[in-house]
């Protein structure tokens, strides 16, 4: 039976075009039929999605494969690339391991997003891997919101927006807004206000069974805009309500390395770790000898 691999790439970058050619040739040499990312792509029998670009390209691949069991293997051609597993120079070795099925699959939580708009007969629905963000549409005015957790009101305040994120999304928009970094294996959702005018407007971390909700109050000076992963947007008139809960559909990431998330943070953010001795006081083991084992 022919093995099929989907290739998703950043179409507007020369580096991505060159890397895609290299990946396609490596996959074909390894015996894969390569499936191009098109509007009417047939995912039947696809066992892996090879993604070349930054985190935005991986988010697009997650959208294309939504509802399937296809894992994503990302090659970082962007800046930070938190979701990517490998770098451009690793393509041939990574494809060799894919051919041998020498990889693990890590499931990441996603969010179900329900939007209730005044006057609409039925709710609108969306989803996100990183975050659902509600922001003001008018740059000159704040939105006034009410925050609710598990069916109970928590606070009202004016703000530029609110980020509701997964643990995976804690290093994306939520991080930029001042939220905490949450390790991927932690079952949690985050709520992070953006530039809130309130005494109690701190980032919140809630359990996986919780439901986060936000309402744009009638007194709001601006309508809102909902953005799911920065890719799918919807205008929110005053009076709209956004509910966010854990989805039953995860995103599956192919992993070639068991490196701890701590090492990923150090690498992606170029964090200073000079002086770490590894085994505790007196071990005499520098950090350089511990990385890459």
Foldseek 3Di string as FASTA:
>chain_A
DQAEEEEFEDPPDPVRVVLSVVLVVLLVVLRHDYWYDDPPTDCVRHAEYEYEEAVVRVQVVCVVQFPHPHAYAYEYPDALRLQHAHHSVCSNVVSVCVSVVQWDKDWFWKKKKWKDAPPDPGIDIDIARFWKKKFFPDPVFWFWKWKDKQRHTDDIWTARIKIKGGLSNCPPVVVVQPGDRHFRVAAWIKIATHGTPDPPRHIDIDGQAMKIKMAGAPPTPGWIWIAHVNPDIDTHGHGMMMIMHIDPTTHMHIHNDPDGVVVSVCVSVVDDDFPDQPPPPPNNRTPVVVPPD
